[in-house]
Amino acid sequence: MRIAMIGLGKMGGNMVRRLCRGGVEVVGYNRSPEIVQQLAKEEGMIAADSVTEALGQLPSPRIVWLMLPCGDPTEQQIDALIPQLSAGDIIIDGGNSNYHDSQRRGAWLKEHGIGFMDAGTSGGVWGLANGYCLMVGAEPEVAAQLEPVLKVLAPAADRGWAHVGPVGAGHFTKMIHNGIEYGMMQAFAEGFALLKGKDEFNLDLAQVSELWRHSSVVRSWLLDLTAESLAEDQELKAVSPFVADSGEGRWTVVESIDQGVAAPVISLALQMRFASQDDEGYGNRLLAMMRNAFGGHAVKKS
């Protein structure tokens, strides 16, 4: 089986490596030619100097997997692909696109007879070694054609991947997955901050995190990664207290509002990320001035 992979960043590049090692032929293109040549040399990937050249090296029906930033980059690439593809060809979006965009793109491509799959992909930098968790949305016949690829990318042929529903369902499932991730990360961060703050016990956080990894109800991969980090550095002085949000958390909170379903943990976890990003701190400064105005409380000068 041969597919094209467009976008060979950290995730896309490692997916190519796993596919090539699993017996799937991959034609790869990236705007930066260095990674294309590296993957061709190290993994036997078929190099392409352009998207058009990549398409020219595919058998029919052509399968094109996109690993591009969500929004305009993905939209523009799909738009550019349509006149170059034929009925029966398939596009897969493996990025973190908004599921509404995926539904719209699926309908758009269907007008041209082109199949579409939205593949929510989890696994990060560890996916190459451990496999990727793949949540895919597509028509049944499209999902069936992509099964061999999904089985190679997943941890095993019988687990770690699923056709979860129609177009849009894959990215919707991944969106909720990431919202849950926000809440879990926030809970661990708060808990370990409380442990560290109890000076009288002088707790060894590396010891505690390692302890919890075994038979505890909070054991998880997130805890495994936390334990590894704390074993190296418990003070984290070199780490800025700035936590980015990539979009899925916001979309999950919007979805909870649209459905009228309470999601306070995910919502607050998102708000805490916003708080970490606030270099100006205007709201907190105004709060300090209010306390001073009504109660005469001292204002700490910056």
Protein backbone atom coordinates (compact mmCIF):
# COMPACT_ATOMS: atom_id res chain seq x y z
CA MET A 1 0.00 0.00 0.00
CA ARG A 2 1.26 3.50 -0.82
CA ILE A 3 0.07 6.86 0.50
CA ALA A 4 1.30 10.45 0.45
CA MET A 5 2.06 12.33 3.67
CA ILE A 6 1.98 16.12 3.41
CA GLY A 7 3.52 17.82 6.44
CA LEU A 8 6.52 16.15 8.07
CA GLY A 9 6.81 17.98 11.38
CA LYS A 10 7.35 16.21 14.71
CA MET A 11 4.12 14.23 14.47
CA GLY A 12 3.99 13.77 10.70
CA GLY A 13 7.64 12.79 10.46
CA ASN A 14 7.34 10.15 13.15
CA MET A 15 4.17 8.80 11.58
CA VAL A 16 6.10 8.36 8.33
CA ARG A 17 8.79 6.47 10.23
CA ARG A 18 6.26 4.13 11.80
CA LEU A 19 4.47 3.55 8.49
CA CYS A 20 7.68 2.82 6.59
CA ARG A 21 8.86 0.43 9.29
CA GLY A 22 5.45 -1.25 9.17
CA GLY A 23 5.57 -1.96 5.45
CA VAL A 24 3.50 0.94 4.11
CA GLU A 25 5.13 2.88 1.27
CA VAL A 26 5.05 6.63 1.90
CA VAL A 27 5.63 9.47 -0.54
CA GLY A 28 6.49 12.50 1.60
CA TYR A 29 6.50 16.24 1.04
CA ASN A 30 7.33 19.12 3.36
CA ARG A 31 8.05 22.79 2.76
CA SER A 32 11.47 22.29 4.36
CA PRO A 33 13.36 19.90 2.06
CA GLU A 34 15.86 18.87 4.75
CA ILE A 35 13.39 16.64 6.60
CA VAL A 36 12.25 15.11 3.29
CA GLN A 37 15.79 14.07 2.44
CA GLN A 38 16.43 12.85 5.99
CA LEU A 39 13.38 10.58 6.00
CA ALA A 40 14.19 9.32 2.52
CA LYS A 41 17.72 8.42 3.62
CA GLU A 42 16.86 6.97 7.05
CA GLU A 43 13.50 5.28 6.41
CA GLY A 44 13.26 4.72 2.67
CA MET A 45 10.46 7.24 2.25
CA ILE A 46 9.90 8.28 -1.35
CA ALA A 47 10.86 11.95 -1.53
CA ALA A 48 8.80 14.54 -3.39
CA ASP A 49 9.75 18.13 -4.19
CA SER A 50 6.13 19.26 -4.39
CA VAL A 51 2.59 18.12 -3.63
CA THR A 52 2.02 17.63 -7.35
CA GLU A 53 5.08 15.38 -7.60
CA ALA A 54 3.88 13.39 -4.59
CA LEU A 55 0.48 12.83 -6.20
CA GLY A 56 2.16 11.69 -9.40
CA GLN A 57 3.84 8.84 -7.53
CA LEU A 58 0.60 7.40 -6.12
CA PRO A 59 -1.49 4.57 -7.55
CA SER A 60 -5.22 5.03 -8.00
CA PRO A 61 -7.19 5.58 -5.85
CA ARG A 62 -4.78 8.13 -4.39
CA ILE A 63 -4.63 8.52 -0.61
CA VAL A 64 -3.27 11.80 0.79
CA TRP A 65 -2.73 12.22 4.52
CA LEU A 66 -2.36 15.83 5.74
CA MET A 67 -0.47 16.61 8.95
CA LEU A 68 -0.70 20.40 8.81
CA PRO A 69 -1.67 23.14 11.29
CA CYS A 70 -5.42 23.50 11.63
CA GLY A 71 -7.24 26.41 10.05
CA ASP A 72 -5.99 28.15 6.93
CA PRO A 73 -2.99 25.87 6.15
CA THR A 74 -5.22 22.79 6.03
CA GLU A 75 -8.03 24.62 4.24
CA GLN A 76 -5.72 25.99 1.57
CA GLN A 77 -4.05 22.63 0.98
CA ILE A 78 -7.39 20.86 0.54
CA ASP A 79 -8.51 23.59 -1.85
CA ALA A 80 -5.31 23.12 -3.87
CA LEU A 81 -5.70 19.33 -3.91
CA ILE A 82 -9.26 19.21 -5.28
CA PRO A 83 -8.42 20.02 -8.94
CA GLN A 84 -5.54 17.54 -8.85
CA LEU A 85 -7.56 14.61 -7.49
CA SER A 86 -10.20 12.38 -9.05
CA ALA A 87 -13.39 10.73 -7.89
CA GLY A 88 -12.54 7.88 -5.53
CA ASP A 89 -9.38 9.48 -4.16
CA ILE A 90 -9.20 10.13 -0.40
CA ILE A 91 -7.91 12.95 1.81
CA ILE A 92 -7.21 12.37 5.51
CA ASP A 93 -6.83 15.30 7.91
CA GLY A 94 -4.74 14.07 10.85
CA GLY A 95 -4.31 17.51 12.41
CA ASN A 96 -6.31 19.00 15.26
CA SER A 97 -9.01 20.63 13.15
CA ASN A 98 -12.31 21.88 14.52
CA TYR A 99 -14.91 19.19 13.90
CA HIS A 100 -17.28 21.74 12.33
CA ASP A 101 -14.60 22.43 9.70
CA SER A 102 -14.21 18.69 9.14
CA GLN A 103 -17.94 18.23 8.58
CA ARG A 104 -17.94 21.11 6.10
CA ARG A 105 -14.86 19.81 4.30
CA GLY A 106 -16.29 16.33 4.09
CA ALA A 107 -19.44 17.66 2.39
CA TRP A 108 -17.33 19.88 0.13
CA LEU A 109 -15.14 16.97 -1.01
CA LYS A 110 -18.14 14.69 -1.45
CA GLU A 111 -19.41 17.08 -4.13
CA HIS A 112 -16.26 16.22 -6.08
CA GLY A 113 -16.51 12.49 -5.40
CA ILE A 114 -13.45 12.64 -3.12
CA GLY A 115 -13.50 10.68 0.13
CA PHE A 116 -12.57 12.31 3.43
CA MET A 117 -11.47 11.09 6.82
CA ASP A 118 -10.90 13.21 9.93
CA ALA A 119 -8.37 11.44 12.13
CA GLY A 120 -8.00 12.63 15.70
CA THR A 121 -4.46 11.60 16.55
CA SER A 122 -2.99 11.28 20.05
CA GLY A 123 0.41 10.03 21.07
CA GLY A 124 2.68 13.03 20.67
CA VAL A 125 6.42 12.49 20.47
CA TRP A 126 5.99 9.00 21.96
CA GLY A 127 3.81 7.76 19.10
CA LEU A 128 6.71 6.41 17.07
CA ALA A 129 7.70 3.94 19.78
CA ASN A 130 4.31 3.30 21.39
CA GLY A 131 1.89 3.75 18.51
CA TYR A 132 -0.80 6.39 18.06
CA CYS A 133 -4.34 6.47 19.38
CA LEU A 134 -6.47 7.16 16.32
CA MET A 135 -10.10 8.30 16.44
CA VAL A 136 -11.41 8.48 12.88
CA GLY A 137 -14.57 9.80 11.32
CA ALA A 138 -15.51 8.74 7.78
CA GLU A 139 -17.98 6.94 5.59
CA PRO A 140 -17.70 3.15 6.18
CA GLU A 141 -16.15 2.45 2.77
CA VAL A 142 -13.47 5.10 3.29
CA ALA A 143 -12.65 3.79 6.77
CA ALA A 144 -12.35 0.27 5.38
CA GLN A 145 -9.81 1.38 2.76
CA LEU A 146 -7.65 3.03 5.43
CA GLU A 147 -7.68 0.13 7.90
CA PRO A 148 -4.23 -1.20 6.89
CA VAL A 149 -2.68 2.22 7.54
CA LEU A 150 -4.50 2.70 10.85
CA LYS A 151 -3.38 -0.73 12.07
CA VAL A 152 0.28 0.12 11.43
CA LEU A 153 0.07 3.49 13.14
CA ALA A 154 -1.82 2.15 16.18
CA PRO A 155 -0.17 0.33 19.12
CA ALA A 156 -1.47 -2.95 17.67
CA ALA A 157 -3.74 -4.06 14.87
CA ASP A 158 -6.58 -4.83 17.30
CA ARG A 159 -6.43 -1.80 19.60
CA GLY A 160 -5.67 1.91 19.77
CA TRP A 161 -7.68 2.81 16.67
CA ALA A 162 -11.39 3.00 15.95
CA HIS A 163 -13.82 4.22 13.32
CA VAL A 164 -15.93 6.18 15.79
CA GLY A 165 -18.57 7.58 13.44
CA PRO A 166 -19.32 9.71 10.37
CA VAL A 167 -17.19 12.58 9.09
CA GLY A 168 -16.49 14.99 11.95
CA ALA A 169 -16.78 12.36 14.68
CA GLY A 170 -13.03 11.73 14.78
CA HIS A 171 -12.06 15.32 15.44
CA PHE A 172 -15.01 15.75 17.82
CA THR A 173 -13.83 12.76 19.88
CA LYS A 174 -10.26 14.09 19.90
CA MET A 175 -11.53 17.52 21.00
CA ILE A 176 -13.28 16.04 24.03
CA HIS A 177 -10.21 13.87 24.71
CA ASN A 178 -8.07 17.01 24.89
CA GLY A 179 -10.59 18.78 27.10
CA ILE A 180 -10.37 15.89 29.58
CA GLU A 181 -6.58 16.12 29.31
CA TYR A 182 -6.74 19.79 30.38
CA GLY A 183 -8.67 18.84 33.53
CA MET A 184 -6.36 15.95 34.44
CA MET A 185 -3.24 18.07 33.97
CA GLN A 186 -4.68 20.88 36.09
CA ALA A 187 -5.56 18.47 38.92
CA PHE A 188 -2.04 17.03 38.98
CA ALA A 189 -0.51 20.52 38.88
CA GLU A 190 -2.64 21.72 41.81
CA GLY A 191 -2.04 18.56 43.84
CA PHE A 192 1.72 18.67 43.48
CA ALA A 193 1.74 22.41 44.25
CA LEU A 194 -0.02 21.59 47.55
CA LEU A 195 2.48 18.82 48.29
CA LYS A 196 5.39 21.15 47.65
CA GLY A 197 3.83 23.90 49.75
CA LYS A 198 3.76 21.79 52.93
CA ASP A 199 7.24 22.74 54.14
CA GLU A 200 7.02 20.95 57.48
CA PHE A 201 6.89 17.53 55.78
CA ASN A 202 9.66 18.27 53.25
CA LEU A 203 8.11 15.80 50.83
CA ASP A 204 10.16 14.26 48.05
CA LEU A 205 7.87 14.85 45.07
CA ALA A 206 9.81 12.45 42.87
CA GLN A 207 9.25 9.73 45.48
CA VAL A 208 5.55 10.51 45.80
CA SER A 209 4.94 10.60 42.04
CA GLU A 210 6.77 7.29 41.61
CA LEU A 211 4.78 5.81 44.51
CA TRP A 212 1.46 6.81 42.94
CA ARG A 213 2.40 5.14 39.66
CA HIS A 214 1.87 1.71 41.23
CA SER A 215 -1.65 0.46 42.07
CA SER A 216 -2.93 3.98 42.79
CA VAL A 217 -6.28 5.04 41.33
CA VAL A 218 -4.60 8.15 39.86
CA ARG A 219 -1.95 6.20 37.95
CA SER A 220 -1.82 7.27 34.31
CA TRP A 221 0.55 8.11 31.48
CA LEU A 222 0.39 11.75 32.57
CA LEU A 223 1.60 10.67 36.00
CA ASP A 224 4.36 8.58 34.40
CA LEU A 225 5.60 11.64 32.50
CA THR A 226 5.29 13.80 35.63
CA ALA A 227 7.32 11.31 37.65
CA GLU A 228 10.08 11.27 35.02
CA SER A 229 10.25 15.07 35.03
CA LEU A 230 10.30 15.35 38.82
CA ALA A 231 13.03 12.71 39.07
CA GLU A 232 15.25 15.06 37.08
CA ASP A 233 14.22 18.40 38.62
CA GLN A 234 11.73 19.13 41.42
CA GLU A 235 12.28 22.89 41.59
CA LEU A 236 11.55 23.66 37.90
CA LYS A 237 13.25 27.04 38.26
CA ALA A 238 14.16 27.11 34.57
CA VAL A 239 10.54 26.61 33.46
CA SER A 240 8.39 29.69 32.84
CA PRO A 241 4.90 29.50 34.46
CA PHE A 242 3.26 30.03 31.07
CA VAL A 243 0.89 27.33 29.78
CA ALA A 244 -0.28 27.58 26.18
CA ASP A 245 -3.63 26.35 24.92
CA SER A 246 -3.77 24.95 21.40
CA GLY A 247 -7.48 25.31 20.67
CA GLU A 248 -9.20 22.05 21.56
CA GLY A 249 -9.79 23.11 25.17
CA ARG A 250 -11.57 26.26 24.00
CA TRP A 251 -13.66 24.30 21.51
CA THR A 252 -14.63 21.79 24.22
CA VAL A 253 -15.84 24.55 26.51
CA VAL A 254 -17.83 26.13 23.66
CA GLU A 255 -19.37 22.71 22.98
CA SER A 256 -20.42 22.39 26.63
CA ILE A 257 -22.16 25.77 26.35
CA ASP A 258 -23.84 24.80 23.06
CA GLN A 259 -25.11 21.54 24.59
CA GLY A 260 -25.98 23.07 27.95
CA VAL A 261 -23.87 20.40 29.65
CA ALA A 262 -21.96 21.42 32.78
CA ALA A 263 -18.19 21.00 32.38
CA PRO A 264 -16.75 23.06 35.27
CA VAL A 265 -13.44 21.20 35.59
CA ILE A 266 -12.51 21.52 31.92
CA SER A 267 -13.74 25.13 31.83
CA LEU A 268 -11.70 26.14 34.86
CA ALA A 269 -8.61 24.32 33.59
CA LEU A 270 -8.85 26.40 30.42
CA GLN A 271 -9.29 29.61 32.43
CA MET A 272 -6.19 28.75 34.49
CA ARG A 273 -4.19 28.51 31.27
CA PHE A 274 -5.48 31.93 30.28
CA ALA A 275 -4.38 33.26 33.68
CA SER A 276 -0.85 31.90 33.14
CA GLN A 277 -0.65 33.75 29.82
CA ASP A 278 -1.60 37.15 31.24
CA ASP A 279 1.66 39.11 31.31
CA GLU A 280 -0.20 42.39 31.80
CA GLY A 281 -2.18 41.23 34.83
CA TYR A 282 -4.50 44.23 34.56
CA GLY A 283 -7.46 42.49 36.20
CA ASN A 284 -5.43 41.47 39.25
CA ARG A 285 -3.96 44.95 39.58
CA LEU A 286 -7.46 46.40 39.51
CA LEU A 287 -8.53 43.92 42.20
CA ALA A 288 -5.68 45.12 44.41
CA MET A 289 -6.79 48.73 43.93
CA MET A 290 -10.41 47.82 44.85
CA ARG A 291 -9.24 46.19 48.09
CA ASN A 292 -7.28 49.33 48.88
CA ALA A 293 -10.24 51.58 48.07
CA PHE A 294 -12.83 49.91 50.29
CA GLY A 295 -10.65 48.48 53.04
CA GLY A 296 -7.44 50.41 53.02
CA HIS A 297 -5.47 47.23 52.31
CA ALA A 298 -1.89 47.81 51.25
CA VAL A 299 -1.06 47.60 47.55
CA LYS A 300 2.15 45.75 46.69
CA LYS A 301 4.17 47.83 44.26
CA SER A 302 5.71 46.17 41.19
